[in-house]
Amino acid sequence: MTSHLRIGRACTVAALLLGAGTLRLTLDADWLPAAALAYGTLVVTLGARLEYGSHRRALEQAEWARRHALGEEPLAPLDPCCPLWRMSRTVHAPDCTDVRFRAITAQLDDIDTRDSA
């Protein structure tokens, strides 16, 4: 169980409790507090969804790393290859699953260490 799964479950429980509170306030015709709780429910639900997605990504990365360590070929990168790739098509995170990018990074690091010595 990853920390993302624990947080996702906690957010789900919080969303259910906030939803129940929203329903109760709506039945009592307390509209302003009900609207605030409804907004909180949506925010916590979004958080749960993001955490469950991060959990799935962590499991996929662990499986990819295991297969890569065993040397299984062909081993395509995950889609997207790393979370930074979604935000910028050129920058990659250190845990990027694109083997070509890792090889280029290793070569650049090797060049940097030779230049600084």
N, C-alpha and C. Protein backbone atom coordinates (compact mmCIF):
# COMPACT_ATOMS: atom_id res chain seq x y z
N MET A 1 0.85 -1.17 0.00
CA MET A 1 0.00 0.00 0.00
C MET A 1 0.90 1.24 0.00
N THR A 2 0.68 2.10 -0.96
CA THR A 2 1.46 3.33 -1.03
C THR A 2 0.80 4.41 -0.18
N SER A 3 1.57 5.45 0.09
CA SER A 3 1.00 6.57 0.86
C SER A 3 -0.12 7.24 0.06
N HIS A 4 -0.01 7.18 -1.27
CA HIS A 4 -1.07 7.76 -2.10
C HIS A 4 -2.40 7.04 -1.88
N LEU A 5 -2.35 5.74 -1.74
CA LEU A 5 -3.58 4.98 -1.51
C LEU A 5 -4.18 5.32 -0.15
N ARG A 6 -3.34 5.44 0.88
CA ARG A 6 -3.84 5.80 2.21
C ARG A 6 -4.49 7.19 2.19
N ILE A 7 -3.83 8.13 1.55
CA ILE A 7 -4.38 9.49 1.48
C ILE A 7 -5.66 9.49 0.65
N GLY A 8 -5.68 8.72 -0.43
CA GLY A 8 -6.88 8.64 -1.26
C GLY A 8 -8.06 8.08 -0.49
N ARG A 9 -7.81 7.06 0.31
CA ARG A 9 -8.89 6.49 1.12
C ARG A 9 -9.37 7.47 2.18
N ALA A 10 -8.43 8.19 2.79
CA ALA A 10 -8.82 9.20 3.80
C ALA A 10 -9.65 10.30 3.14
N CYS A 11 -9.27 10.71 1.95
CA CYS A 11 -10.04 11.73 1.23
C CYS A 11 -11.43 11.22 0.86
N THR A 12 -11.52 9.94 0.52
CA THR A 12 -12.82 9.36 0.19
C THR A 12 -13.74 9.36 1.40
N VAL A 13 -13.19 8.97 2.54
CA VAL A 13 -13.99 8.98 3.78
C VAL A 13 -14.42 10.42 4.12
N ALA A 14 -13.48 11.35 3.98
CA ALA A 14 -13.81 12.76 4.27
C ALA A 14 -14.88 13.26 3.31
N ALA A 15 -14.79 12.88 2.04
CA ALA A 15 -15.80 13.31 1.07
C ALA A 15 -17.18 12.74 1.42
N LEU A 16 -17.20 11.49 1.86
CA LEU A 16 -18.49 10.90 2.25
C LEU A 16 -19.08 11.61 3.47
N LEU A 17 -18.24 11.91 4.44
CA LEU A 17 -18.73 12.62 5.63
C LEU A 17 -19.20 14.04 5.28
N LEU A 18 -18.42 14.73 4.45
CA LEU A 18 -18.83 16.07 4.03
C LEU A 18 -20.12 16.01 3.20
N GLY A 19 -20.24 15.00 2.37
CA GLY A 19 -21.47 14.84 1.59
C GLY A 19 -22.68 14.59 2.47
N ALA A 20 -22.50 13.78 3.51
CA ALA A 20 -23.61 13.53 4.45
C ALA A 20 -23.97 14.82 5.18
N GLY A 21 -22.95 15.59 5.58
CA GLY A 21 -23.23 16.87 6.23
C GLY A 21 -23.94 17.84 5.30
N THR A 22 -23.54 17.84 4.05
CA THR A 22 -24.21 18.70 3.06
C THR A 22 -25.68 18.32 2.91
N LEU A 23 -25.93 17.03 2.84
CA LEU A 23 -27.32 16.55 2.71
C LEU A 23 -28.14 16.96 3.93
N ARG A 24 -27.57 16.81 5.11
CA ARG A 24 -28.29 17.17 6.33
C ARG A 24 -28.60 18.66 6.37
N LEU A 25 -27.62 19.50 6.02
CA LEU A 25 -27.85 20.94 6.02
C LEU A 25 -28.85 21.35 4.93
N THR A 26 -28.84 20.66 3.83
CA THR A 26 -29.79 20.96 2.76
C THR A 26 -31.21 20.64 3.21
N LEU A 27 -31.38 19.53 3.92
CA LEU A 27 -32.71 19.18 4.41
C LEU A 27 -33.22 20.17 5.45
N ASP A 28 -32.30 20.79 6.19
CA ASP A 28 -32.69 21.80 7.18
C ASP A 28 -32.80 23.20 6.57
N ALA A 29 -32.58 23.32 5.28
CA ALA A 29 -32.66 24.58 4.54
C ALA A 29 -31.62 25.61 5.00
N ASP A 30 -30.47 25.13 5.44
CA ASP A 30 -29.35 26.01 5.74
C ASP A 30 -28.46 26.06 4.49
N TRP A 31 -28.80 26.96 3.57
CA TRP A 31 -28.21 26.93 2.24
C TRP A 31 -26.75 27.36 2.19
N LEU A 32 -26.38 28.38 2.92
CA LEU A 32 -25.00 28.87 2.86
C LEU A 32 -24.01 27.84 3.41
N PRO A 33 -24.24 27.29 4.59
CA PRO A 33 -23.31 26.24 5.06
C PRO A 33 -23.33 25.00 4.16
N ALA A 34 -24.51 24.69 3.62
CA ALA A 34 -24.60 23.53 2.73
C ALA A 34 -23.77 23.75 1.47
N ALA A 35 -23.79 24.97 0.94
CA ALA A 35 -22.99 25.28 -0.24
C ALA A 35 -21.50 25.18 0.06
N ALA A 36 -21.11 25.66 1.24
CA ALA A 36 -19.70 25.58 1.64
C ALA A 36 -19.26 24.13 1.78
N LEU A 37 -20.09 23.31 2.41
CA LEU A 37 -19.75 21.90 2.54
C LEU A 37 -19.75 21.18 1.19
N ALA A 38 -20.65 21.57 0.30
CA ALA A 38 -20.67 20.96 -1.04
C ALA A 38 -19.38 21.28 -1.78
N TYR A 39 -18.91 22.51 -1.65
CA TYR A 39 -17.65 22.90 -2.28
C TYR A 39 -16.50 22.09 -1.67
N GLY A 40 -16.49 21.96 -0.36
CA GLY A 40 -15.46 21.15 0.30
C GLY A 40 -15.49 19.70 -0.15
N THR A 41 -16.69 19.18 -0.34
CA THR A 41 -16.84 17.82 -0.82
C THR A 41 -16.21 17.66 -2.19
N LEU A 42 -16.44 18.62 -3.08
CA LEU A 42 -15.86 18.56 -4.42
C LEU A 42 -14.34 18.63 -4.37
N VAL A 43 -13.80 19.49 -3.53
CA VAL A 43 -12.34 19.63 -3.43
C VAL A 43 -11.72 18.34 -2.91
N VAL A 44 -12.30 17.77 -1.87
CA VAL A 44 -11.75 16.55 -1.29
C VAL A 44 -11.91 15.37 -2.26
N THR A 45 -12.99 15.35 -3.02
CA THR A 45 -13.19 14.30 -4.03
C THR A 45 -12.13 14.41 -5.12
N LEU A 46 -11.83 15.62 -5.54
CA LEU A 46 -10.76 15.81 -6.52
C LEU A 46 -9.43 15.33 -5.97
N GLY A 47 -9.15 15.65 -4.70
CA GLY A 47 -7.92 15.18 -4.07
C GLY A 47 -7.84 13.66 -4.05
N ALA A 48 -8.95 13.01 -3.74
CA ALA A 48 -8.97 11.54 -3.72
C ALA A 48 -8.69 10.99 -5.11
N ARG A 49 -9.29 11.58 -6.12
CA ARG A 49 -9.09 11.11 -7.49
C ARG A 49 -7.63 11.25 -7.90
N LEU A 50 -7.01 12.38 -7.56
CA LEU A 50 -5.60 12.58 -7.89
C LEU A 50 -4.70 11.60 -7.14
N GLU A 51 -5.01 11.33 -5.89
CA GLU A 51 -4.20 10.40 -5.11
C GLU A 51 -4.32 8.97 -5.63
N TYR A 52 -5.53 8.56 -6.04
CA TYR A 52 -5.68 7.23 -6.62
C TYR A 52 -4.90 7.12 -7.93
N GLY A 53 -4.89 8.19 -8.72
CA GLY A 53 -4.10 8.19 -9.95
C GLY A 53 -2.61 8.10 -9.67
N SER A 54 -2.15 8.79 -8.64
CA SER A 54 -0.74 8.73 -8.25
C SER A 54 -0.38 7.33 -7.75
N HIS A 55 -1.31 6.69 -7.07
CA HIS A 55 -1.09 5.32 -6.61
C HIS A 55 -0.92 4.38 -7.80
N ARG A 56 -1.81 4.49 -8.79
CA ARG A 56 -1.70 3.65 -9.98
C ARG A 56 -0.38 3.89 -10.69
N ARG A 57 0.03 5.16 -10.78
CA ARG A 57 1.29 5.50 -11.44
C ARG A 57 2.47 4.89 -10.69
N ALA A 58 2.46 4.94 -9.36
CA ALA A 58 3.54 4.37 -8.57
C ALA A 58 3.63 2.86 -8.79
N LEU A 59 2.49 2.19 -8.86
CA LEU A 59 2.50 0.74 -9.12
C LEU A 59 3.04 0.44 -10.51
N GLU A 60 2.63 1.23 -11.50
CA GLU A 60 3.12 1.03 -12.86
C GLU A 60 4.62 1.28 -12.95
N GLN A 61 5.11 2.31 -12.25
CA GLN A 61 6.55 2.58 -12.26
C GLN A 61 7.33 1.46 -11.59
N ALA A 62 6.81 0.91 -10.50
CA ALA A 62 7.49 -0.18 -9.82
C ALA A 62 7.55 -1.42 -10.72
N GLU A 63 6.47 -1.72 -11.40
CA GLU A 63 6.45 -2.86 -12.32
C GLU A 63 7.40 -2.62 -13.48
N TRP A 64 7.42 -1.40 -14.01
CA TRP A 64 8.33 -1.06 -15.10
C TRP A 64 9.77 -1.23 -14.66
N ALA A 65 10.11 -0.72 -13.47
CA ALA A 65 11.48 -0.82 -12.97
C ALA A 65 11.87 -2.28 -12.74
N ARG A 66 10.95 -3.08 -12.25
CA ARG A 66 11.23 -4.50 -12.03
C ARG A 66 11.54 -5.19 -13.35
N ARG A 67 10.71 -4.94 -14.35
CA ARG A 67 10.93 -5.56 -15.66
C ARG A 67 12.21 -5.04 -16.31
N HIS A 68 12.49 -3.76 -16.13
CA HIS A 68 13.71 -3.19 -16.70
C HIS A 68 14.94 -3.81 -16.05
N ALA A 69 14.88 -4.03 -14.74
CA ALA A 69 16.00 -4.64 -14.03
C ALA A 69 16.22 -6.08 -14.48
N LEU A 70 15.15 -6.77 -14.84
CA LEU A 70 15.27 -8.15 -15.32
C LEU A 70 15.76 -8.21 -16.77
N GLY A 71 15.75 -7.06 -17.45
CA GLY A 71 16.25 -7.01 -18.82
C GLY A 71 15.25 -7.45 -19.86
N GLU A 72 13.99 -7.42 -19.55
CA GLU A 72 12.98 -7.80 -20.53
C GLU A 72 12.94 -6.78 -21.65
N GLU A 73 12.87 -7.23 -22.90
CA GLU A 73 12.81 -6.35 -24.07
C GLU A 73 11.66 -6.80 -24.95
N PRO A 74 10.99 -5.98 -25.70
CA PRO A 74 11.12 -4.53 -25.67
C PRO A 74 10.34 -3.96 -24.48
N LEU A 75 10.84 -2.90 -23.93
CA LEU A 75 10.21 -2.30 -22.76
C LEU A 75 9.92 -0.84 -23.07
N ALA A 76 8.71 -0.58 -23.50
CA ALA A 76 8.32 0.78 -23.87
C ALA A 76 8.16 1.62 -22.61
N PRO A 77 8.42 2.92 -22.73
CA PRO A 77 8.20 3.79 -21.56
C PRO A 77 6.71 3.91 -21.25
N LEU A 78 6.43 4.25 -20.02
CA LEU A 78 5.04 4.48 -19.64
C LEU A 78 4.52 5.69 -20.41
N ASP A 79 3.23 5.82 -20.49
CA ASP A 79 2.64 6.93 -21.22
C ASP A 79 1.84 7.78 -20.25
N PRO A 80 2.23 8.98 -19.92
CA PRO A 80 3.47 9.66 -20.31
C PRO A 80 4.66 9.06 -19.57
N CYS A 81 5.85 9.28 -20.11
CA CYS A 81 7.04 8.64 -19.56
C CYS A 81 7.37 9.16 -18.16
N CYS A 82 6.98 10.39 -17.83
CA CYS A 82 7.17 10.92 -16.48
C CYS A 82 6.19 12.07 -16.26
N PRO A 83 5.87 12.38 -15.00
CA PRO A 83 4.88 13.42 -14.73
C PRO A 83 5.24 14.80 -15.30
N LEU A 84 6.53 15.13 -15.35
CA LEU A 84 6.92 16.44 -15.88
C LEU A 84 6.63 16.56 -17.37
N TRP A 85 6.59 15.43 -18.07
CA TRP A 85 6.38 15.47 -19.51
C TRP A 85 5.01 16.04 -19.85
N ARG A 86 4.04 15.84 -18.99
CA ARG A 86 2.71 16.40 -19.24
C ARG A 86 2.73 17.92 -19.26
N MET A 87 3.56 18.49 -18.40
CA MET A 87 3.58 19.95 -18.27
C MET A 87 4.48 20.61 -19.31
N SER A 88 5.59 19.97 -19.62
CA SER A 88 6.47 20.53 -20.64
C SER A 88 7.01 19.37 -21.47
N ARG A 89 6.90 19.48 -22.74
CA ARG A 89 7.27 18.37 -23.63
C ARG A 89 8.78 18.16 -23.71
N THR A 90 9.59 18.95 -23.04
CA THR A 90 11.03 18.80 -23.16
C THR A 90 11.70 18.36 -21.86
N VAL A 91 11.14 18.71 -20.71
CA VAL A 91 11.77 18.40 -19.43
C VAL A 91 11.32 17.02 -18.96
N HIS A 92 12.22 16.26 -18.39
CA HIS A 92 11.89 14.94 -17.86
C HIS A 92 12.30 14.85 -16.40
N ALA A 93 11.56 14.07 -15.64
CA ALA A 93 11.84 13.88 -14.21
C ALA A 93 12.94 12.83 -14.04
N PRO A 94 13.57 12.78 -12.88
CA PRO A 94 14.62 11.77 -12.64
C PRO A 94 14.10 10.33 -12.73
N ASP A 95 12.82 10.12 -12.46
CA ASP A 95 12.26 8.76 -12.53
C ASP A 95 11.60 8.48 -13.87
N CYS A 96 12.02 9.18 -14.91
CA CYS A 96 11.46 9.00 -16.25
C CYS A 96 11.71 7.57 -16.72
N THR A 97 10.71 6.97 -17.36
CA THR A 97 10.82 5.58 -17.81
C THR A 97 11.27 5.47 -19.26
N ASP A 98 11.61 6.59 -19.89
CA ASP A 98 12.11 6.57 -21.26
C ASP A 98 13.61 6.24 -21.22
N VAL A 99 13.97 5.03 -21.64
CA VAL A 99 15.34 4.55 -21.55
C VAL A 99 16.27 5.44 -22.38
N ARG A 100 15.79 5.91 -23.53
CA ARG A 100 16.63 6.78 -24.38
C ARG A 100 16.99 8.05 -23.62
N PHE A 101 16.04 8.63 -22.91
CA PHE A 101 16.31 9.84 -22.14
C PHE A 101 17.31 9.55 -21.02
N ARG A 102 17.17 8.40 -20.37
CA ARG A 102 18.10 8.05 -19.30
C ARG A 102 19.52 7.89 -19.84
N ALA A 103 19.66 7.29 -21.02
CA ALA A 103 20.98 7.10 -21.61
C ALA A 103 21.61 8.46 -21.94
N ILE A 104 20.84 9.37 -22.50
CA ILE A 104 21.35 10.70 -22.84
C ILE A 104 21.75 11.44 -21.57
N THR A 105 20.94 11.34 -20.53
CA THR A 105 21.25 12.00 -19.26
C THR A 105 22.53 11.43 -18.66
N ALA A 106 22.70 10.11 -18.73
CA ALA A 106 23.92 9.50 -18.19
C ALA A 106 25.15 9.98 -18.95
N GLN A 107 25.04 10.11 -20.27
CA GLN A 107 26.17 10.61 -21.06
C GLN A 107 26.49 12.05 -20.69
N LEU A 108 25.46 12.88 -20.53
CA LEU A 108 25.69 14.27 -20.16
C LEU A 108 26.32 14.38 -18.77
N ASP A 109 25.87 13.54 -17.84
CA ASP A 109 26.45 13.55 -16.50
C ASP A 109 27.91 13.13 -16.55
N ASP A 110 28.23 12.15 -17.40
CA ASP A 110 29.60 11.68 -17.56
C ASP A 110 30.49 12.79 -18.11
N ILE A 111 29.98 13.52 -19.09
CA ILE A 111 30.72 14.64 -19.68
C ILE A 111 30.95 15.72 -18.63
N ASP A 112 29.93 16.02 -17.84
CA ASP A 112 30.06 17.03 -16.79
C ASP A 112 31.12 16.66 -15.76
N THR A 113 31.17 15.39 -15.38
CA THR A 113 32.15 14.97 -14.37
C THR A 113 33.56 15.02 -14.94
N ARG A 114 33.72 14.69 -16.23
CA ARG A 114 35.05 14.78 -16.84
C ARG A 114 35.49 16.24 -16.98
N ASP A 115 34.57 17.13 -17.30
CA ASP A 115 34.92 18.54 -17.45
C ASP A 115 35.30 19.17 -16.13
N SER A 116 34.65 18.78 -15.06
CA SER A 116 34.91 19.41 -13.77
C SER A 116 36.16 18.84 -13.10
N ALA A 117 36.64 17.69 -13.55
CA ALA A 117 37.84 17.07 -12.93
C ALA A 117 39.13 17.68 -13.42
